[in-house]
């Protein structure tokens, strides 16, 4: 799960409390009838269920045998005197109508985390059904080629959404801006990992005027971003993986921050999750320049490692006295 989920007061259920499928239960080679019987045996057994996990990985893939089409609706409608489900984490296919039909059982969801998994090689059409989840606060969507998670979810009606995490590995994700136009106005935390179009965050200050924390993970595109007035923390993941052709874009973004103090006056912290003050590893932080780091210090912006420990100028560019291993 992205760092933002653990760095907030959102009442997320610990995984150990989820009735979930064991990792080893892949059901490989098992006939469809046995699989159907196994899932059907769960129906009606959890009248006080608040959280359900059917194999969510956060990578757009599945390591378990996902439920058959239509299972979710059948499962939720079959619970006697069921309490409203508050957390659902699972695997869905874009052509599964059961999620649409199960909406009446999902009105109380506060947290939804789903892998959009396709079977076959053709990219599915974007879903046309509008999903309304009136009290949902946290949404995590992940999709692996050829599935586009935001093509499936960007048009939903989510009036109270505050936390959005997207992992898109289907090529350039074209639906991020649509999603932020639709439900970005109340977002306080945004996590992005994967391949997005380069200009997806150019209008971030107007799309997400209440954003407090922005987390960015790297693949093959660096997303330049503007600054909402409320933005306090920027978190970078996997900066050691920056390809050489992305390094100039990263440095331009840092200069954009420290050279425009009025625009970025609310920013208080940059956390580099690649750098750690514990364990063993290399000591070179090559992706920061000393000039950019010192400029951040003069601006009063803290640059810290994964544990929140401040970096020093000697940690930058392989100083012999550096004591921050890089993992």
C-alpha atoms as a PDB file:
ATOM      1  CA  UNK A   1       0.000   0.000   0.000  1.00  0.00           C
ATOM      2  CA  UNK A   2       1.214   3.532  -0.616  1.00  0.00           C
ATOM      3  CA  UNK A   3       2.776   5.425   2.254  1.00  0.00           C
ATOM      4  CA  UNK A   4      -0.070   7.927   2.399  1.00  0.00           C
ATOM      5  CA  UNK A   5      -2.478   5.299   3.708  1.00  0.00           C
ATOM      6  CA  UNK A   6      -0.249   4.621   6.707  1.00  0.00           C
ATOM      7  CA  UNK A   7       0.618   8.277   7.324  1.00  0.00           C
ATOM      8  CA  UNK A   8      -2.946   9.419   7.974  1.00  0.00           C
ATOM      9  CA  UNK A   9      -5.613   8.904  10.577  1.00  0.00           C
ATOM     10  CA  UNK A  10      -7.898   7.144   8.113  1.00  0.00           C
ATOM     11  CA  UNK A  11      -9.472   4.193   9.977  1.00  0.00           C
ATOM     12  CA  UNK A  12      -8.153   1.480   7.702  1.00  0.00           C
ATOM     13  CA  UNK A  13      -8.628  -2.095   8.819  1.00  0.00           C
ATOM     14  CA  UNK A  14      -5.415  -4.085   9.329  1.00  0.00           C
ATOM     15  CA  UNK A  15      -5.014  -6.898   6.829  1.00  0.00           C
ATOM     16  CA  UNK A  16      -5.034  -9.493   9.604  1.00  0.00           C
ATOM     17  CA  UNK A  17      -8.683  -8.663  10.288  1.00  0.00           C
ATOM     18  CA  UNK A  18      -9.810  -9.279   6.724  1.00  0.00           C
ATOM     19  CA  UNK A  19     -11.416 -12.597   5.873  1.00  0.00           C
ATOM     20  CA  UNK A  20      -9.231 -13.188   2.832  1.00  0.00           C
ATOM     21  CA  UNK A  21      -8.005 -15.937   0.571  1.00  0.00           C
ATOM     22  CA  UNK A  22      -4.704 -17.564   1.551  1.00  0.00           C
ATOM     23  CA  UNK A  23      -1.873 -16.700  -0.820  1.00  0.00           C
ATOM     24  CA  UNK A  24      -1.297 -20.364  -1.592  1.00  0.00           C
ATOM     25  CA  UNK A  25      -4.899 -20.910  -2.686  1.00  0.00           C
ATOM     26  CA  UNK A  26      -4.430 -20.422  -6.420  1.00  0.00           C
ATOM     27  CA  UNK A  27      -6.759 -23.277  -7.379  1.00  0.00           C
ATOM     28  CA  UNK A  28      -4.537 -23.870 -10.411  1.00  0.00           C
ATOM     29  CA  UNK A  29      -5.758 -26.820 -12.392  1.00  0.00           C
ATOM     30  CA  UNK A  30      -8.924 -27.108 -10.327  1.00  0.00           C
ATOM     31  CA  UNK A  31     -12.060 -27.569 -12.358  1.00  0.00           C
ATOM     32  CA  UNK A  32     -14.467 -24.584 -12.502  1.00  0.00           C
ATOM     33  CA  UNK A  33     -17.134 -26.533 -10.621  1.00  0.00           C
ATOM     34  CA  UNK A  34     -14.893 -26.978  -7.553  1.00  0.00           C
ATOM     35  CA  UNK A  35     -13.966 -23.307  -7.628  1.00  0.00           C
ATOM     36  CA  UNK A  36     -17.648 -22.347  -7.864  1.00  0.00           C
ATOM     37  CA  UNK A  37     -18.516 -24.581  -4.913  1.00  0.00           C
ATOM     38  CA  UNK A  38     -15.702 -23.145  -2.792  1.00  0.00           C
ATOM     39  CA  UNK A  39     -16.788 -19.547  -3.280  1.00  0.00           C
ATOM     40  CA  UNK A  40     -20.464 -20.361  -2.841  1.00  0.00           C
ATOM     41  CA  UNK A  41     -19.663 -22.006   0.488  1.00  0.00           C
ATOM     42  CA  UNK A  42     -18.791 -18.522   1.850  1.00  0.00           C
ATOM     43  CA  UNK A  43     -22.237 -17.055   1.190  1.00  0.00           C
ATOM     44  CA  UNK A  44     -24.355 -16.425   4.252  1.00  0.00           C
ATOM     45  CA  UNK A  45     -21.590 -17.106   6.780  1.00  0.00           C
ATOM     46  CA  UNK A  46     -20.642 -13.539   7.798  1.00  0.00           C
ATOM     47  CA  UNK A  47     -23.636 -11.545   9.064  1.00  0.00           C
ATOM     48  CA  UNK A  48     -21.399  -9.027  10.918  1.00  0.00           C
ATOM     49  CA  UNK A  49     -18.838  -8.547   8.166  1.00  0.00           C
ATOM     50  CA  UNK A  50     -17.268  -5.072   7.983  1.00  0.00           C
ATOM     51  CA  UNK A  51     -14.241  -5.761   5.759  1.00  0.00           C
ATOM     52  CA  UNK A  52     -13.615  -8.172   2.910  1.00  0.00           C
ATOM     53  CA  UNK A  53     -10.433  -8.929   0.933  1.00  0.00           C
ATOM     54  CA  UNK A  54     -10.619 -11.352  -1.990  1.00  0.00           C
ATOM     55  CA  UNK A  55      -7.017 -11.073  -3.119  1.00  0.00           C
ATOM     56  CA  UNK A  56      -6.073  -7.395  -3.594  1.00  0.00           C
ATOM     57  CA  UNK A  57      -2.370  -6.927  -4.475  1.00  0.00           C
ATOM     58  CA  UNK A  58      -2.166  -3.247  -5.470  1.00  0.00           C
ATOM     59  CA  UNK A  59      -0.287  -4.132  -8.658  1.00  0.00           C
ATOM     60  CA  UNK A  60      -3.109  -4.812 -11.089  1.00  0.00           C
ATOM     61  CA  UNK A  61      -2.394  -8.531 -10.947  1.00  0.00           C
ATOM     62  CA  UNK A  62      -3.748 -11.425  -8.964  1.00  0.00           C
ATOM     63  CA  UNK A  63      -1.870 -13.982  -6.886  1.00  0.00           C
ATOM     64  CA  UNK A  64      -5.030 -15.853  -5.924  1.00  0.00           C
ATOM     65  CA  UNK A  65      -7.884 -17.246  -7.920  1.00  0.00           C
ATOM     66  CA  UNK A  66     -10.301 -14.331  -8.265  1.00  0.00           C
ATOM     67  CA  UNK A  67     -13.991 -14.895  -7.661  1.00  0.00           C
ATOM     68  CA  UNK A  68     -16.192 -15.903 -10.543  1.00  0.00           C
ATOM     69  CA  UNK A  69     -18.206 -13.241 -12.389  1.00  0.00           C
ATOM     70  CA  UNK A  70     -21.183 -12.221 -10.311  1.00  0.00           C
ATOM     71  CA  UNK A  71     -19.798 -13.466  -7.004  1.00  0.00           C
ATOM     72  CA  UNK A  72     -19.642 -10.120  -5.203  1.00  0.00           C
ATOM     73  CA  UNK A  73     -23.305  -9.300  -5.687  1.00  0.00           C
ATOM     74  CA  UNK A  74     -24.337 -12.845  -4.775  1.00  0.00           C
ATOM     75  CA  UNK A  75     -22.107 -12.840  -1.698  1.00  0.00           C
ATOM     76  CA  UNK A  76     -23.290  -9.487  -0.338  1.00  0.00           C
ATOM     77  CA  UNK A  77     -26.968 -10.090  -1.029  1.00  0.00           C
ATOM     78  CA  UNK A  78     -26.726 -13.471   0.670  1.00  0.00           C
ATOM     79  CA  UNK A  79     -25.595 -12.203   4.078  1.00  0.00           C
ATOM     80  CA  UNK A  80     -28.490 -12.404   6.598  1.00  0.00           C
ATOM     81  CA  UNK A  81     -29.079  -9.109   8.427  1.00  0.00           C
ATOM     82  CA  UNK A  82     -25.698  -7.943   7.182  1.00  0.00           C
ATOM     83  CA  UNK A  83     -23.979  -4.881   8.605  1.00  0.00           C
ATOM     84  CA  UNK A  84     -22.893  -2.338   5.999  1.00  0.00           C
ATOM     85  CA  UNK A  85     -19.557  -3.295   4.429  1.00  0.00           C
ATOM     86  CA  UNK A  86     -16.988  -0.598   5.215  1.00  0.00           C
ATOM     87  CA  UNK A  87     -13.884  -1.928   3.457  1.00  0.00           C
ATOM     88  CA  UNK A  88     -13.611  -3.948   0.273  1.00  0.00           C
ATOM     89  CA  UNK A  89     -10.327  -5.010  -1.283  1.00  0.00           C
ATOM     90  CA  UNK A  90     -10.377  -7.363  -4.198  1.00  0.00           C
ATOM     91  CA  UNK A  91      -9.979  -8.252  -7.837  1.00  0.00           C
ATOM     92  CA  UNK A  92     -12.474  -7.289 -10.505  1.00  0.00           C
ATOM     93  CA  UNK A  93     -12.657  -7.711 -14.244  1.00  0.00           C
ATOM     94  CA  UNK A  94     -13.910  -4.779 -16.331  1.00  0.00           C
ATOM     95  CA  UNK A  95     -16.758  -6.843 -17.779  1.00  0.00           C
ATOM     96  CA  UNK A  96     -18.091  -8.066 -14.424  1.00  0.00           C
ATOM     97  CA  UNK A  97     -21.551  -6.495 -13.923  1.00  0.00           C
ATOM     98  CA  UNK A  98     -21.809  -7.693 -10.344  1.00  0.00           C
ATOM     99  CA  UNK A  99     -19.968  -4.661  -8.972  1.00  0.00           C
ATOM    100  CA  UNK A 100     -22.476  -2.368 -10.641  1.00  0.00           C
ATOM    101  CA  UNK A 101     -25.389  -4.451  -9.403  1.00  0.00           C
ATOM    102  CA  UNK A 102     -23.892  -4.665  -5.900  1.00  0.00           C
ATOM    103  CA  UNK A 103     -23.962  -0.887  -5.409  1.00  0.00           C
ATOM    104  CA  UNK A 104     -26.914  -1.055  -3.049  1.00  0.00           C
ATOM    105  CA  UNK A 105     -24.775  -3.143  -0.682  1.00  0.00           C
ATOM    106  CA  UNK A 106     -21.767  -0.815  -0.952  1.00  0.00           C
ATOM    107  CA  UNK A 107     -23.309   2.483   0.105  1.00  0.00           C
ATOM    108  CA  UNK A 108     -21.455   2.364   3.415  1.00  0.00           C
ATOM    109  CA  UNK A 109     -17.973   1.777   1.951  1.00  0.00           C
ATOM    110  CA  UNK A 110     -15.258   4.007   3.388  1.00  0.00           C
ATOM    111  CA  UNK A 111     -12.343   2.221   1.713  1.00  0.00           C
ATOM    112  CA  UNK A 112     -12.194   0.519  -1.691  1.00  0.00           C
ATOM    113  CA  UNK A 113      -9.033  -1.069  -3.117  1.00  0.00           C
ATOM    114  CA  UNK A 114      -9.292  -2.999  -6.352  1.00  0.00           C
ATOM    115  CA  UNK A 115      -7.098  -4.624  -8.976  1.00  0.00           C
ATOM    116  CA  UNK A 116      -8.599  -4.380 -12.455  1.00  0.00           C
ATOM    117  CA  UNK A 117      -7.519  -7.654 -14.044  1.00  0.00           C
ATOM    118  CA  UNK A 118      -8.237  -8.657 -17.631  1.00  0.00           C
ATOM    119  CA  UNK A 119      -8.350 -12.100 -19.110  1.00  0.00           C
ATOM    120  CA  UNK A 120      -7.154 -12.071 -22.673  1.00  0.00           C
ATOM    121  CA  UNK A 121      -5.114  -9.649 -24.742  1.00  0.00           C
ATOM    122  CA  UNK A 122      -7.631  -7.040 -25.861  1.00  0.00           C
ATOM    123  CA  UNK A 123      -8.013  -3.858 -23.867  1.00  0.00           C
ATOM    124  CA  UNK A 124     -11.541  -3.581 -22.470  1.00  0.00           C
ATOM    125  CA  UNK A 125     -13.804  -0.654 -23.129  1.00  0.00           C
ATOM    126  CA  UNK A 126     -14.108   1.918 -20.406  1.00  0.00           C
ATOM    127  CA  UNK A 127     -17.070   1.155 -18.172  1.00  0.00           C
ATOM    128  CA  UNK A 128     -20.123   3.337 -18.802  1.00  0.00           C
ATOM    129  CA  UNK A 129     -22.043   2.650 -15.607  1.00  0.00           C
ATOM    130  CA  UNK A 130     -21.785   5.409 -13.007  1.00  0.00           C
ATOM    131  CA  UNK A 131     -20.918   4.072  -9.565  1.00  0.00           C
ATOM    132  CA  UNK A 132     -22.036   6.252  -6.650  1.00  0.00           C
ATOM    133  CA  UNK A 133     -20.372   5.620  -3.299  1.00  0.00           C
ATOM    134  CA  UNK A 134     -21.555   8.500  -1.110  1.00  0.00           C
ATOM    135  CA  UNK A 135     -19.249   8.045   1.912  1.00  0.00           C
ATOM    136  CA  UNK A 136     -16.130   6.584   0.274  1.00  0.00           C
ATOM    137  CA  UNK A 137     -12.979   8.301   1.546  1.00  0.00           C
ATOM    138  CA  UNK A 138     -10.159   6.129   0.191  1.00  0.00           C
ATOM    139  CA  UNK A 139      -9.872   4.654  -3.302  1.00  0.00           C
ATOM    140  CA  UNK A 140      -6.969   2.567  -4.579  1.00  0.00           C
ATOM    141  CA  UNK A 141      -7.139   1.336  -8.180  1.00  0.00           C
ATOM    142  CA  UNK A 142      -4.504  -0.685  -9.993  1.00  0.00           C
ATOM    143  CA  UNK A 143      -4.391  -2.009 -13.514  1.00  0.00           C
ATOM    144  CA  UNK A 144      -1.855  -3.956 -15.543  1.00  0.00           C
ATOM    145  CA  UNK A 145      -1.748  -3.974 -19.344  1.00  0.00           C
ATOM    146  CA  UNK A 146      -4.180  -3.921 -21.060  1.00  0.00           C
ATOM    147  CA  UNK A 147      -6.389  -2.721 -18.208  1.00  0.00           C
ATOM    148  CA  UNK A 148      -6.688   1.006 -17.528  1.00  0.00           C
ATOM    149  CA  UNK A 149      -7.931   1.448 -13.962  1.00  0.00           C
ATOM    150  CA  UNK A 150      -8.996   5.058 -14.387  1.00  0.00           C
ATOM    151  CA  UNK A 151     -10.835   4.353 -17.637  1.00  0.00           C
ATOM    152  CA  UNK A 152     -12.997   2.174 -15.418  1.00  0.00           C
ATOM    153  CA  UNK A 153     -13.290   4.506 -12.419  1.00  0.00           C
ATOM    154  CA  UNK A 154     -12.675   8.129 -13.466  1.00  0.00           C
ATOM    155  CA  UNK A 155     -16.366   8.923 -13.985  1.00  0.00           C
ATOM    156  CA  UNK A 156     -17.622   7.600 -10.647  1.00  0.00           C
ATOM    157  CA  UNK A 157     -19.561   9.801  -8.239  1.00  0.00           C
ATOM    158  CA  UNK A 158     -17.422  10.010  -5.081  1.00  0.00           C
ATOM    159  CA  UNK A 159     -18.444  13.191  -3.255  1.00  0.00           C
ATOM    160  CA  UNK A 160     -16.375  12.548  -0.089  1.00  0.00           C
ATOM    161  CA  UNK A 161     -13.198  11.080  -1.574  1.00  0.00           C
ATOM    162  CA  UNK A 162     -10.059  12.297   0.225  1.00  0.00           C
ATOM    163  CA  UNK A 163      -7.394   9.681  -0.553  1.00  0.00           C
ATOM    164  CA  UNK A 164      -6.661   8.470  -4.096  1.00  0.00           C
ATOM    165  CA  UNK A 165      -3.934   5.996  -5.035  1.00  0.00           C
ATOM    166  CA  UNK A 166      -3.433   4.930  -8.659  1.00  0.00           C
ATOM    167  CA  UNK A 167      -1.093   2.316 -10.065  1.00  0.00           C
ATOM    168  CA  UNK A 168      -1.373   2.210 -13.842  1.00  0.00           C
ATOM    169  CA  UNK A 169       0.919  -0.030 -15.833  1.00  0.00           C
ATOM    170  CA  UNK A 170      -1.078  -0.204 -19.028  1.00  0.00           C
ATOM    171  CA  UNK A 171       0.893   2.348 -21.046  1.00  0.00           C
ATOM    172  CA  UNK A 172       0.182   6.062 -20.820  1.00  0.00           C
ATOM    173  CA  UNK A 173      -2.803   6.533 -18.512  1.00  0.00           C
ATOM    174  CA  UNK A 174      -4.997   9.124 -20.229  1.00  0.00           C
ATOM    175  CA  UNK A 175      -7.771   9.309 -17.644  1.00  0.00           C
ATOM    176  CA  UNK A 176      -5.983  10.866 -14.668  1.00  0.00           C
ATOM    177  CA  UNK A 177      -7.049  14.411 -15.466  1.00  0.00           C
ATOM    178  CA  UNK A 178     -10.646  13.239 -15.988  1.00  0.00           C
ATOM    179  CA  UNK A 179     -10.583  11.582 -12.579  1.00  0.00           C
ATOM    180  CA  UNK A 180      -9.215  14.700 -10.856  1.00  0.00           C
ATOM    181  CA  UNK A 181     -11.781  16.905 -12.585  1.00  0.00           C
ATOM    182  CA  UNK A 182     -14.513  14.580 -11.363  1.00  0.00           C
ATOM    183  CA  UNK A 183     -13.486  13.907  -7.757  1.00  0.00           C
ATOM    184  CA  UNK A 184     -10.296  15.856  -7.067  1.00  0.00           C
ATOM    185  CA  UNK A 185     -11.816  18.864  -5.315  1.00  0.00           C
ATOM    186  CA  UNK A 186     -11.765  17.270  -1.829  1.00  0.00           C
ATOM    187  CA  UNK A 187      -8.647  15.156  -2.188  1.00  0.00           C
ATOM    188  CA  UNK A 188      -6.079  15.681   0.545  1.00  0.00           C
ATOM    189  CA  UNK A 189      -3.713  12.854  -0.473  1.00  0.00           C
ATOM    190  CA  UNK A 190      -2.751  11.667  -3.959  1.00  0.00           C
ATOM    191  CA  UNK A 191      -0.420   8.757  -4.762  1.00  0.00           C
ATOM    192  CA  UNK A 192       0.633   7.999  -8.344  1.00  0.00           C
ATOM    193  CA  UNK A 193       2.661   5.115  -9.669  1.00  0.00           C
ATOM    194  CA  UNK A 194       2.968   4.047 -13.268  1.00  0.00           C
ATOM    195  CA  UNK A 195       2.870   5.491 -16.747  1.00  0.00           C
ATOM    196  CA  UNK A 196       0.919   8.721 -17.088  1.00  0.00           C
ATOM    197  CA  UNK A 197       0.878  11.402 -19.760  1.00  0.00           C
ATOM    198  CA  UNK A 198       3.548  14.034 -18.927  1.00  0.00           C
ATOM    199  CA  UNK A 199       1.120  16.947 -18.484  1.00  0.00           C
ATOM    200  CA  UNK A 200      -1.368  15.143 -16.249  1.00  0.00           C
ATOM    201  CA  UNK A 201      -0.617  17.328 -13.206  1.00  0.00           C
ATOM    202  CA  UNK A 202      -0.034  20.711 -14.835  1.00  0.00           C
ATOM    203  CA  UNK A 203      -3.270  22.117 -13.386  1.00  0.00           C
ATOM    204  CA  UNK A 204      -2.984  20.407 -10.019  1.00  0.00           C
ATOM    205  CA  UNK A 205      -3.604  23.602  -8.027  1.00  0.00           C
ATOM    206  CA  UNK A 206      -7.078  23.976  -9.562  1.00  0.00           C
ATOM    207  CA  UNK A 207      -7.905  20.266  -9.841  1.00  0.00           C
ATOM    208  CA  UNK A 208      -6.997  19.499  -6.209  1.00  0.00           C
ATOM    209  CA  UNK A 209      -7.272  22.766  -4.251  1.00  0.00           C
ATOM    210  CA  UNK A 210      -7.238  20.947  -0.878  1.00  0.00           C
ATOM    211  CA  UNK A 211      -4.293  18.637  -1.508  1.00  0.00           C
ATOM    212  CA  UNK A 212      -1.981  18.255   1.502  1.00  0.00           C
ATOM    213  CA  UNK A 213       0.285  15.387   0.436  1.00  0.00           C
ATOM    214  CA  UNK A 214       1.474  14.310  -3.018  1.00  0.00           C
ATOM    215  CA  UNK A 215       3.287  10.993  -3.480  1.00  0.00           C
ATOM    216  CA  UNK A 216       5.047  10.093  -6.708  1.00  0.00           C
ATOM    217  CA  UNK A 217       6.570   6.802  -7.770  1.00  0.00           C
ATOM    218  CA  UNK A 218       8.676   6.359 -10.879  1.00  0.00           C
ATOM    219  CA  UNK A 219       8.434   4.353 -14.071  1.00  0.00           C
ATOM    220  CA  UNK A 220       9.395   5.921 -17.386  1.00  0.00           C
ATOM    221  CA  UNK A 221       7.725   9.344 -17.138  1.00  0.00           C
ATOM    222  CA  UNK A 222       8.378  12.224 -14.747  1.00  0.00           C
ATOM    223  CA  UNK A 223       5.242  14.227 -13.994  1.00  0.00           C
ATOM    224  CA  UNK A 224       5.876  17.920 -13.548  1.00  0.00           C
ATOM    225  CA  UNK A 225       3.421  19.333 -11.054  1.00  0.00           C
ATOM    226  CA  UNK A 226       2.190  22.688  -9.820  1.00  0.00           C
ATOM    227  CA  UNK A 227       1.444  23.560  -6.212  1.00  0.00           C
ATOM    228  CA  UNK A 228      -1.930  23.879  -4.512  1.00  0.00           C
ATOM    229  CA  UNK A 229      -1.773  26.414  -1.689  1.00  0.00           C
ATOM    230  CA  UNK A 230      -2.589  23.681   0.812  1.00  0.00           C
ATOM    231  CA  UNK A 231       0.270  21.349  -0.220  1.00  0.00           C
ATOM    232  CA  UNK A 232       2.544  20.624   2.760  1.00  0.00           C
ATOM    233  CA  UNK A 233       4.400  17.401   1.896  1.00  0.00           C
ATOM    234  CA  UNK A 234       5.837  15.846  -1.263  1.00  0.00           C
ATOM    235  CA  UNK A 235       6.969  12.227  -1.057  1.00  0.00           C
ATOM    236  CA  UNK A 236       9.246  10.688  -3.681  1.00  0.00           C
ATOM    237  CA  UNK A 237       9.501   6.905  -4.021  1.00  0.00           C
ATOM    238  CA  UNK A 238      12.233   4.965  -5.818  1.00  0.00           C
ATOM    239  CA  UNK A 239      14.251   8.015  -6.828  1.00  0.00           C
ATOM    240  CA  UNK A 240      17.304   5.785  -7.223  1.00  0.00           C
ATOM    241  CA  UNK A 241      15.560   4.292 -10.242  1.00  0.00           C
ATOM    242  CA  UNK A 242      15.407   7.581 -12.128  1.00  0.00           C
ATOM    243  CA  UNK A 243      16.703   6.937 -15.618  1.00  0.00           C
ATOM    244  CA  UNK A 244      19.351   9.324 -16.905  1.00  0.00           C
ATOM    245  CA  UNK A 245      16.911  10.991 -19.291  1.00  0.00           C
ATOM    246  CA  UNK A 246      14.542  11.719 -16.383  1.00  0.00           C
ATOM    247  CA  UNK A 247      17.177  13.279 -14.130  1.00  0.00           C
ATOM    248  CA  UNK A 248      16.951  16.721 -15.831  1.00  0.00           C
ATOM    249  CA  UNK A 249      13.152  16.711 -15.348  1.00  0.00           C
ATOM    250  CA  UNK A 250      13.581  15.886 -11.663  1.00  0.00           C
ATOM    251  CA  UNK A 251      16.080  18.722 -11.210  1.00  0.00           C
ATOM    252  CA  UNK A 252      13.820  21.152 -13.085  1.00  0.00           C
ATOM    253  CA  UNK A 253      11.007  20.310 -10.691  1.00  0.00           C
ATOM    254  CA  UNK A 254      13.254  20.952  -7.678  1.00  0.00           C
ATOM    255  CA  UNK A 255      14.337  24.313  -9.107  1.00  0.00           C
ATOM    256  CA  UNK A 256      10.703  25.148  -9.822  1.00  0.00           C
ATOM    257  CA  UNK A 257      10.029  24.663  -6.123  1.00  0.00           C
ATOM    258  CA  UNK A 258      12.880  26.664  -4.620  1.00  0.00           C
ATOM    259  CA  UNK A 259      12.936  29.406  -7.255  1.00  0.00           C
ATOM    260  CA  UNK A 260       9.249  30.291  -6.818  1.00  0.00           C
ATOM    261  CA  UNK A 261       8.806  30.818  -3.063  1.00  0.00           C
ATOM    262  CA  UNK A 262       5.428  32.540  -3.322  1.00  0.00           C
ATOM    263  CA  UNK A 263       3.912  29.698  -5.315  1.00  0.00           C
ATOM    264  CA  UNK A 264       5.337  27.027  -2.988  1.00  0.00           C
ATOM    265  CA  UNK A 265       5.083  28.912   0.287  1.00  0.00           C
ATOM    266  CA  UNK A 266       2.994  26.194   1.966  1.00  0.00           C
ATOM    267  CA  UNK A 267       5.415  23.340   1.265  1.00  0.00           C
ATOM    268  CA  UNK A 268       7.154  22.199   4.445  1.00  0.00           C
ATOM    269  CA  UNK A 269       8.706  18.827   3.708  1.00  0.00           C
ATOM    270  CA  UNK A 270      10.122  16.657   0.947  1.00  0.00           C
ATOM    271  CA  UNK A 271      10.483  13.020   1.966  1.00  0.00           C
ATOM    272  CA  UNK A 272      12.756  10.781  -0.112  1.00  0.00           C
ATOM    273  CA  UNK A 273      11.617   7.238   0.624  1.00  0.00           C
ATOM    274  CA  UNK A 274      14.609   5.715  -1.182  1.00  0.00           C
ATOM    275  CA  UNK A 275      17.000   6.992   1.468  1.00  0.00           C
ATOM    276  CA  UNK A 276      17.118   5.295   4.854  1.00  0.00           C
ATOM    277  CA  UNK A 277      19.141   5.879   7.993  1.00  0.00           C
ATOM    278  CA  UNK A 278      18.956   2.218   9.010  1.00  0.00           C
ATOM    279  CA  UNK A 279      20.354  -0.976   7.567  1.00  0.00           C
ATOM    280  CA  UNK A 280      23.235  -1.459   5.189  1.00  0.00           C
ATOM    281  CA  UNK A 281      23.640  -0.286   1.626  1.00  0.00           C
ATOM    282  CA  UNK A 282      25.258   2.293  -0.588  1.00  0.00           C
ATOM    283  CA  UNK A 283      25.863   5.848   0.609  1.00  0.00           C
ATOM    284  CA  UNK A 284      25.571   7.834  -2.610  1.00  0.00           C
ATOM    285  CA  UNK A 285      22.570  10.087  -3.182  1.00  0.00           C
ATOM    286  CA  UNK A 286      23.276  10.977  -6.778  1.00  0.00           C
ATOM    287  CA  UNK A 287      19.834  12.263  -7.834  1.00  0.00           C
ATOM    288  CA  UNK A 288      19.995  15.383  -5.625  1.00  0.00           C
ATOM    289  CA  UNK A 289      22.458  18.183  -6.319  1.00  0.00           C
ATOM    290  CA  UNK A 290      23.988  20.085  -3.440  1.00  0.00           C
ATOM    291  CA  UNK A 291      22.756  23.340  -4.961  1.00  0.00           C
ATOM    292  CA  UNK A 292      19.120  22.191  -4.965  1.00  0.00           C
ATOM    293  CA  UNK A 293      19.408  20.699  -1.488  1.00  0.00           C
ATOM    294  CA  UNK A 294      20.903  23.871   0.008  1.00  0.00           C
ATOM    295  CA  UNK A 295      18.299  25.987  -1.759  1.00  0.00           C
ATOM    296  CA  UNK A 296      15.576  23.926  -0.078  1.00  0.00           C
ATOM    297  CA  UNK A 297      17.234  24.482   3.293  1.00  0.00           C
ATOM    298  CA  UNK A 298      17.322  28.245   2.739  1.00  0.00           C
ATOM    299  CA  UNK A 299      13.632  28.146   1.883  1.00  0.00           C
ATOM    300  CA  UNK A 300      12.854  26.342   5.129  1.00  0.00           C
ATOM    301  CA  UNK A 301      11.788  23.129   3.386  1.00  0.00           C
ATOM    302  CA  UNK A 302      12.926  20.029   5.271  1.00  0.00           C
ATOM    303  CA  UNK A 303      14.384  17.186   3.197  1.00  0.00           C
ATOM    304  CA  UNK A 304      14.114  13.948   5.155  1.00  0.00           C
ATOM    305  CA  UNK A 305      14.683  10.238   4.676  1.00  0.00           C
ATOM    306  CA  UNK A 306      12.231   7.374   4.991  1.00  0.00           C
ATOM    307  CA  UNK A 307      12.303   7.519   8.773  1.00  0.00           C
ATOM    308  CA  UNK A 308      11.823  11.287   8.831  1.00  0.00           C
ATOM    309  CA  UNK A 309      15.464  11.983   9.737  1.00  0.00           C
ATOM    310  CA  UNK A 310      16.804  15.167   8.081  1.00  0.00           C
ATOM    311  CA  UNK A 311      19.404  14.789   5.355  1.00  0.00           C
ATOM    312  CA  UNK A 312      22.620  16.796   5.443  1.00  0.00           C
ATOM    313  CA  UNK A 313      24.504  18.395   2.620  1.00  0.00           C
ATOM    314  CA  UNK A 314      27.255  15.842   3.185  1.00  0.00           C
ATOM    315  CA  UNK A 315      24.843  13.083   2.214  1.00  0.00           C
ATOM    316  CA  UNK A 316      24.482  14.454  -1.298  1.00  0.00           C
ATOM    317  CA  UNK A 317      26.465  13.171  -4.280  1.00  0.00           C
ATOM    318  CA  UNK A 318      28.529  10.586  -2.438  1.00  0.00           C
ATOM    319  CA  UNK A 319      30.240  12.542   0.316  1.00  0.00           C
ATOM    320  CA  UNK A 320      32.572  10.215   2.200  1.00  0.00           C
ATOM    321  CA  UNK A 321      30.966  11.105   5.494  1.00  0.00           C
ATOM    322  CA  UNK A 322      27.453  10.151   4.400  1.00  0.00           C
ATOM    323  CA  UNK A 323      25.702   7.710   6.690  1.00  0.00           C
ATOM    324  CA  UNK A 324      22.409   7.254   4.863  1.00  0.00           C
ATOM    325  CA  UNK A 325      22.275   3.880   3.154  1.00  0.00           C
ATOM    326  CA  UNK A 326      20.202   3.748  -0.005  1.00  0.00           C
ATOM    327  CA  UNK A 327      17.960   0.762  -0.599  1.00  0.00           C
END
